[in-house]
Every structure is written in C-alpha cells, then in structure tokens.
Amino acid sequence: MELDPDFCHRALASRDARFDGRFFIGVRSTGIYCRPICPARTAKRENIVVYATAAAAQEAGFRPCLRCRPEAAPDSGAWRGVANSGHSHTVAKALALIEQGALDEDGIARLADRLGVGERQLRRLFAEHAGASPLAVAQTRRVLLAKQLIHETHMPLTDIAFAAGFGSVRRFNEVFQQLYQRPPSALRRDASAQGGAPGEVSLRLRYRPPYHWPDMLAQLAAQAVPGLEAIQDNRYARAVHWRGVTGMLSVTQTDGSALLATLRISQWQALSDILARLRAMLDLAADPDCIASHLSQDPVLAERIADRPGLRLLGAWSAAEAEWKQAGTRDEQAEWLARHGHPLAAIAADFPAIRYAFPQTGQLDDTPRPADPDHGAASAPDLWRPWRAYAQRYGERV
C-alpha cells in the first residue's frame, strides 16, 4: 500500500488497530519506531517518518518501542514484499526463506543463487519492495523473535540467542545493547511469560482478526494423518522433524487476536524455521478485510463471507508432505509413516496417538516406495514423488 505520512499520522493519533502491522512510525525526536496503536503520546507530524516494515525502520537507525512492542504486531503483506511488479514473487520468496533462517547459515550470495538472480539485483529489489537490505531483514527477524521469547517465555537467555538465529551469545548481547541500550536481561518481564515444562515453550502467534479457528480445525481434521497429527480439545497437534530437530507442537486459539503455539523440541536452533512454517500453514499473514472486499463482489460469495467471517486457506507444512497427502488413503499413509517416518523419542501424554514425524525432505531419497501387500508393488498407491526436485522447485532446504 502507498504510505501517505499525513494519513499514517492520523491513524497513529486515533490508535486505529486496522493498520497495526501495515506500517511503522519512526519518531525523530526519540529515535524510536512504533506500531500505529502505540499508547505513548502522539508525536508531532513533522517529527515522524513512515516505514513499510520494521526492518526498514531499524536500518534507518530507529530502535523498537518497549511499550507497543513491534514484535507483537500481526504479519503484513508489506513485510512479504507484495507489490505490483514482476519481481514481487522473488522478494516474497526471499523473505520467506529469510524467515526460515536462510541467512543464519549462508550468505546473500547463496540466497541470490537459490532465487536465480544476481546478488546486486537482489539488494536492489529489497530496497524497492522491503525498504531494507536482506541482511537488515534477517537481523530484524532475529531481534524481534528474541524479544518475543524474552517477554513471553522463561527460556534461558543463552537458549534464546540460538533459537532466534544469533551465531553466538556475545553477538546477541552486542546487538541488544546497541539497539535497546541495555542488556537482554533488563528486558525480561516474568509476569507476562508463559510457564511450561522443561524443553517446552508457548508463544503467541498474532493474526489480523477475524480468524475462524473452528473452520481451520475442520480443514486440518480433513487432512490429518493418524500417527502424525491429532485434534482434540480445540487443539491441533503434530510431530515435527526438521533440520535434524525432532519434537511436537500444538496450537489453539487464545485471547488478543492470537493463536497459542506450544512447542516441545529437542534443540532450539530450529525454532524460527518451525514457527515460520506454522504461520504459513495456518495462513496467519492473510488480510481478511482485503480478501472479503474482493470476494464480496460476487453475490453468492458475499453472503457466505458475511455468515462466516475470518475464513483462511490451509497451507502445508512442507511441499513434500503436501504432495504425499494427495496420494493414497489415510490408512495407507499411516502405514507408510509407521515404516518410514521419524519416531518420536518420547510420546506426549496429552497426544499419545502422535508417534512419528514426516521425514525431512533430504532423507526421502533413500526411502523405499510403499508396497501393496495384496496387489504387489506395481499397483501400490503412488505415495512416492521425486521429492528433491519438487522441494527445490518450491525453495525448501534439501
């Protein structure tokens, strides 16, 4: 969306929640950037600068507000580089890869190679569509996730540093000291943190309301594979095995326009990637007002949207898993999973039926095709695909 500073200042003055996450306000007099709903005294119009993304504000030298907490803003299309341009898909794909930690291990050159563009062109596209460089976007992602973990969990700060994607605790401390002018420990507020068992964290995943959670549960139930996923007590749960990390997660709706995600994983280094996949699968970045505006132009759809506001489109945990779920019956898939899935080290007492995680993409090359005991391998359901080529097509790690 085109950012008009006068309009954005009026939205800030009225604390209009409709614009939360759509843009951020940098205040020159304080050096702080805020969400449009910030409860602080409204800055003068001549003192503000408007940015489409938090990364752009931070790259310009502004630090996040401690009152409105930019890390708690709902996701936005602007953050994903949405624009009326032939290159918007490249930027959106790059942002998704960065959110999954692509720049935590590799450099910009490797990211550009995966996208099929030059490094210089990638930097130019980010400046145009995201308002910040790829490295600034990655750094902002790390900082805001770490800040959320500090506020909402009891995780040790050392674990938070690696969970957010920092290469070392020293770098984690340096960035927070530079950005917030205080160490990470000074930002902790235990009163708002979610309690949990050892090795377990619970985080709020914000969305732009409304969100029809019962319908999303129904979509998840229609595709759930026994042994991998389960739904009970208004919660969805599944096993995960990603980047060498095994565990389980569950999601339910909570207050404050958010879902509450509880994760039990063996190592925290994969946390940001897992959260990114969960957000994408549950379509948390969707703009329901924009969707309803377009679809309501059809009289039939308009009536249905009015009856059930907040419908979202269920995504996939991974491209390989999505393709696998399209072939065979649920019983056949469950049987294949029991033979070739990644077994959980510990079975959760609240979801005892979940026992296997879907194999990571790179491990599927050596997994044999499933055989049909009654009709032989030739007529077996086609539960196998060229996984590596498919994953590379959609940008997954292999």
Foldseek 3Di string as FASTA:
>chain_A
DDDDLVVLLVLLQVLPLLCFQQKWKQFQVVLAIATSNFPDDRDDSVRIDIFRHPLLSVVVRGFYDLRRQSLPTFHAVLQQLDDPDPCSVLSNLLSLCLLQPVPLPDHLCVSCVLSVHGSVVQQVSCCVRRVHGSVSSSVVQLVSQLLQCQAAAPDDSQQSCLLSRHPGSVVQQVVCCSRVVDGSVVSHDVVRYDDDDPQKGKGWRAADDDAQLVVVVVVCVVLDFWQAWDDDPQKIKGWAADPNKTWMKMWHDDPDRTIMIMTRIDGSNSNSNQVSLVCVQSVRHDSQVVVLVVQCVDVVSVVVCVVRPNYDDGDDSAQLVVLLSVKDDSVVVNVLCVVPFAFDPDADPVCNRHGGHHDDLVVCVPRDFDFDPVPTRVPDIGSDDPSVVRRSVSPHDD
